[in-house]
């Protein structure tokens, strides 16, 4: 998950999802879902849901702010 804060948080998070999808396609990696999660209008997160077996590849290349295993 990548957190974005401020008035442009939603737009920035949405734009970030474009780059997440591009990365997955270029690297030929699978993912389950890419999206945004709004905590409030000033805090929005972009996220990508991947298989646990691919998590380290994504984490090391993209350096997310935080991650969750679910």
N, C-alpha and C. Protein backbone atom coordinates (compact mmCIF):
# COMPACT_ATOMS: atom_id res chain seq x y z
N UNK A 1 0.84 -1.18 0.00
CA UNK A 1 0.00 0.00 0.00
C UNK A 1 0.88 1.24 0.00
N UNK A 2 0.45 2.22 -0.74
CA UNK A 2 1.15 3.50 -0.81
C UNK A 2 0.17 4.57 -0.37
N UNK A 3 0.51 5.31 0.66
CA UNK A 3 -0.37 6.33 1.21
C UNK A 3 -0.07 7.69 0.58
N UNK A 4 -1.14 8.40 0.24
CA UNK A 4 -1.03 9.75 -0.30
C UNK A 4 -1.90 10.67 0.53
N UNK A 5 -1.34 11.82 0.86
CA UNK A 5 -2.04 12.77 1.73
C UNK A 5 -2.18 14.12 1.04
N UNK A 6 -3.22 14.84 1.42
CA UNK A 6 -3.42 16.18 0.92
C UNK A 6 -4.61 16.28 -0.01
N UNK A 7 -4.81 17.48 -0.51
CA UNK A 7 -5.98 17.75 -1.36
C UNK A 7 -5.99 16.91 -2.63
N UNK A 8 -4.82 16.55 -3.14
CA UNK A 8 -4.73 15.78 -4.37
C UNK A 8 -4.54 14.29 -4.12
N UNK A 9 -4.75 13.83 -2.90
CA UNK A 9 -4.48 12.43 -2.54
C UNK A 9 -5.22 11.44 -3.42
N UNK A 10 -6.50 11.67 -3.66
CA UNK A 10 -7.29 10.73 -4.47
C UNK A 10 -6.77 10.65 -5.90
N UNK A 11 -6.50 11.79 -6.49
CA UNK A 11 -6.00 11.81 -7.87
C UNK A 11 -4.62 11.16 -7.96
N UNK A 12 -3.78 11.43 -6.99
CA UNK A 12 -2.43 10.87 -6.99
C UNK A 12 -2.49 9.36 -6.81
N UNK A 13 -3.31 8.88 -5.90
CA UNK A 13 -3.44 7.44 -5.67
C UNK A 13 -3.97 6.75 -6.93
N UNK A 14 -4.96 7.34 -7.55
CA UNK A 14 -5.52 6.75 -8.78
C UNK A 14 -4.46 6.69 -9.87
N UNK A 15 -3.67 7.75 -10.01
CA UNK A 15 -2.60 7.76 -11.01
C UNK A 15 -1.55 6.69 -10.68
N UNK A 16 -1.27 6.50 -9.41
CA UNK A 16 -0.28 5.50 -9.00
C UNK A 16 -0.70 4.10 -9.43
N UNK A 17 -2.01 3.83 -9.43
CA UNK A 17 -2.48 2.51 -9.85
C UNK A 17 -2.13 2.22 -11.30
N UNK A 18 -2.07 3.26 -12.12
CA UNK A 18 -1.67 3.08 -13.53
C UNK A 18 -0.26 2.51 -13.58
N UNK A 19 0.64 3.07 -12.77
CA UNK A 19 2.02 2.61 -12.76
C UNK A 19 2.15 1.22 -12.16
N UNK A 20 1.32 0.89 -11.18
CA UNK A 20 1.35 -0.46 -10.63
C UNK A 20 0.99 -1.49 -11.70
N UNK A 21 -0.04 -1.20 -12.47
CA UNK A 21 -0.46 -2.11 -13.54
C UNK A 21 0.62 -2.21 -14.62
N UNK A 22 1.21 -1.09 -14.99
CA UNK A 22 2.28 -1.09 -15.98
C UNK A 22 3.45 -1.96 -15.51
N UNK A 23 3.84 -1.80 -14.25
CA UNK A 23 4.94 -2.60 -13.70
C UNK A 23 4.63 -4.08 -13.80
N UNK A 24 3.44 -4.48 -13.37
CA UNK A 24 3.07 -5.89 -13.41
C UNK A 24 3.10 -6.43 -14.84
N UNK A 25 2.62 -5.64 -15.79
CA UNK A 25 2.61 -6.09 -17.19
C UNK A 25 4.02 -6.19 -17.75
N UNK A 26 4.85 -5.20 -17.49
CA UNK A 26 6.23 -5.21 -18.00
C UNK A 26 7.02 -6.38 -17.42
N UNK A 27 6.85 -6.63 -16.13
CA UNK A 27 7.58 -7.71 -15.46
C UNK A 27 6.90 -9.07 -15.59
N UNK A 28 5.73 -9.09 -16.24
CA UNK A 28 4.96 -10.32 -16.44
C UNK A 28 4.63 -11.00 -15.09
N UNK A 29 4.18 -10.17 -14.15
CA UNK A 29 3.79 -10.63 -12.82
C UNK A 29 2.27 -10.64 -12.71
N UNK A 30 1.77 -11.56 -11.95
CA UNK A 30 0.32 -11.62 -11.76
C UNK A 30 -0.08 -10.79 -10.54
N UNK A 31 -1.33 -10.40 -10.53
CA UNK A 31 -1.92 -9.71 -9.39
C UNK A 31 -3.40 -10.02 -9.38
N UNK A 32 -4.01 -9.82 -8.21
CA UNK A 32 -5.44 -10.09 -8.08
C UNK A 32 -6.27 -8.83 -8.26
N UNK A 33 -5.80 -7.73 -7.69
CA UNK A 33 -6.57 -6.49 -7.73
C UNK A 33 -5.64 -5.30 -7.55
N UNK A 34 -5.97 -4.22 -8.22
CA UNK A 34 -5.30 -2.93 -8.05
C UNK A 34 -6.41 -1.91 -7.82
N UNK A 35 -6.23 -1.06 -6.83
CA UNK A 35 -7.28 -0.08 -6.56
C UNK A 35 -6.84 0.99 -5.59
N UNK A 36 -7.82 1.76 -5.15
CA UNK A 36 -7.58 2.82 -4.17
C UNK A 36 -8.52 2.61 -2.98
N UNK A 37 -8.06 3.05 -1.83
CA UNK A 37 -8.85 2.94 -0.61
C UNK A 37 -8.81 4.30 0.08
N UNK A 38 -9.95 4.95 0.19
CA UNK A 38 -10.01 6.27 0.79
C UNK A 38 -10.30 6.15 2.29
N UNK A 39 -9.37 6.60 3.09
CA UNK A 39 -9.57 6.67 4.54
C UNK A 39 -10.39 7.91 4.88
N UNK A 40 -10.05 9.00 4.25
CA UNK A 40 -10.79 10.26 4.31
C UNK A 40 -10.32 11.08 3.12
N UNK A 41 -10.95 12.21 2.80
CA UNK A 41 -10.58 12.95 1.59
C UNK A 41 -9.11 13.40 1.54
N UNK A 42 -8.45 13.44 2.68
CA UNK A 42 -7.06 13.88 2.73
C UNK A 42 -6.08 12.72 2.88
N UNK A 43 -6.55 11.47 2.91
CA UNK A 43 -5.69 10.30 3.04
C UNK A 43 -6.26 9.17 2.20
N UNK A 44 -5.57 8.86 1.13
CA UNK A 44 -6.00 7.83 0.19
C UNK A 44 -4.82 6.92 -0.11
N UNK A 45 -5.06 5.62 -0.15
CA UNK A 45 -4.01 4.65 -0.42
C UNK A 45 -4.24 3.98 -1.77
N UNK A 46 -3.17 3.77 -2.51
CA UNK A 46 -3.19 2.92 -3.69
C UNK A 46 -2.72 1.54 -3.24
N UNK A 47 -3.30 0.48 -3.79
CA UNK A 47 -2.88 -0.85 -3.37
C UNK A 47 -2.87 -1.83 -4.53
N UNK A 48 -2.11 -2.88 -4.34
CA UNK A 48 -2.11 -4.01 -5.26
C UNK A 48 -2.14 -5.27 -4.41
N UNK A 49 -3.01 -6.19 -4.78
CA UNK A 49 -3.15 -7.45 -4.07
C UNK A 49 -2.48 -8.53 -4.91
N UNK A 50 -1.50 -9.21 -4.31
CA UNK A 50 -0.73 -10.22 -5.03
C UNK A 50 -0.67 -11.49 -4.21
N UNK A 51 -0.28 -12.57 -4.86
CA UNK A 51 -0.07 -13.84 -4.16
C UNK A 51 1.13 -13.69 -3.23
N UNK A 52 1.07 -14.38 -2.11
CA UNK A 52 2.17 -14.29 -1.13
C UNK A 52 3.50 -14.71 -1.76
N UNK A 53 3.47 -15.61 -2.73
CA UNK A 53 4.70 -16.05 -3.38
C UNK A 53 5.35 -14.95 -4.21
N UNK A 54 4.56 -13.97 -4.66
CA UNK A 54 5.09 -12.84 -5.45
C UNK A 54 5.36 -11.60 -4.60
N UNK A 55 4.99 -11.64 -3.34
CA UNK A 55 5.05 -10.45 -2.49
C UNK A 55 6.45 -9.85 -2.43
N UNK A 56 7.47 -10.65 -2.24
CA UNK A 56 8.83 -10.11 -2.10
C UNK A 56 9.30 -9.43 -3.38
N UNK A 57 8.92 -9.96 -4.52
CA UNK A 57 9.29 -9.33 -5.80
C UNK A 57 8.71 -7.94 -5.89
N UNK A 58 7.42 -7.81 -5.60
CA UNK A 58 6.77 -6.50 -5.62
C UNK A 58 7.35 -5.59 -4.56
N UNK A 59 7.48 -6.09 -3.35
CA UNK A 59 7.97 -5.27 -2.23
C UNK A 59 9.35 -4.71 -2.51
N UNK A 60 10.26 -5.56 -2.96
CA UNK A 60 11.64 -5.12 -3.17
C UNK A 60 11.76 -4.13 -4.33
N UNK A 61 10.96 -4.30 -5.35
CA UNK A 61 11.03 -3.42 -6.51
C UNK A 61 10.30 -2.10 -6.30
N UNK A 62 9.18 -2.13 -5.57
CA UNK A 62 8.31 -0.96 -5.50
C UNK A 62 8.32 -0.23 -4.15
N UNK A 63 8.91 -0.82 -3.14
CA UNK A 63 9.05 -0.20 -1.82
C UNK A 63 7.76 0.45 -1.31
N UNK A 64 6.76 -0.39 -1.04
CA UNK A 64 5.49 0.16 -0.52
C UNK A 64 5.68 0.76 0.87
N UNK A 65 4.77 1.64 1.24
CA UNK A 65 4.80 2.26 2.56
C UNK A 65 4.42 1.25 3.64
N UNK A 66 3.55 0.31 3.28
CA UNK A 66 3.13 -0.71 4.24
C UNK A 66 2.53 -1.89 3.48
N UNK A 67 2.41 -3.00 4.15
CA UNK A 67 1.84 -4.19 3.54
C UNK A 67 1.02 -4.97 4.55
N UNK A 68 0.18 -5.82 4.04
CA UNK A 68 -0.68 -6.65 4.88
C UNK A 68 -0.74 -8.05 4.27
N UNK A 69 -0.79 -9.05 5.12
CA UNK A 69 -1.00 -10.42 4.66
C UNK A 69 -2.40 -10.81 5.11
N UNK A 70 -3.20 -11.24 4.15
CA UNK A 70 -4.58 -11.56 4.50
C UNK A 70 -5.05 -12.82 3.90
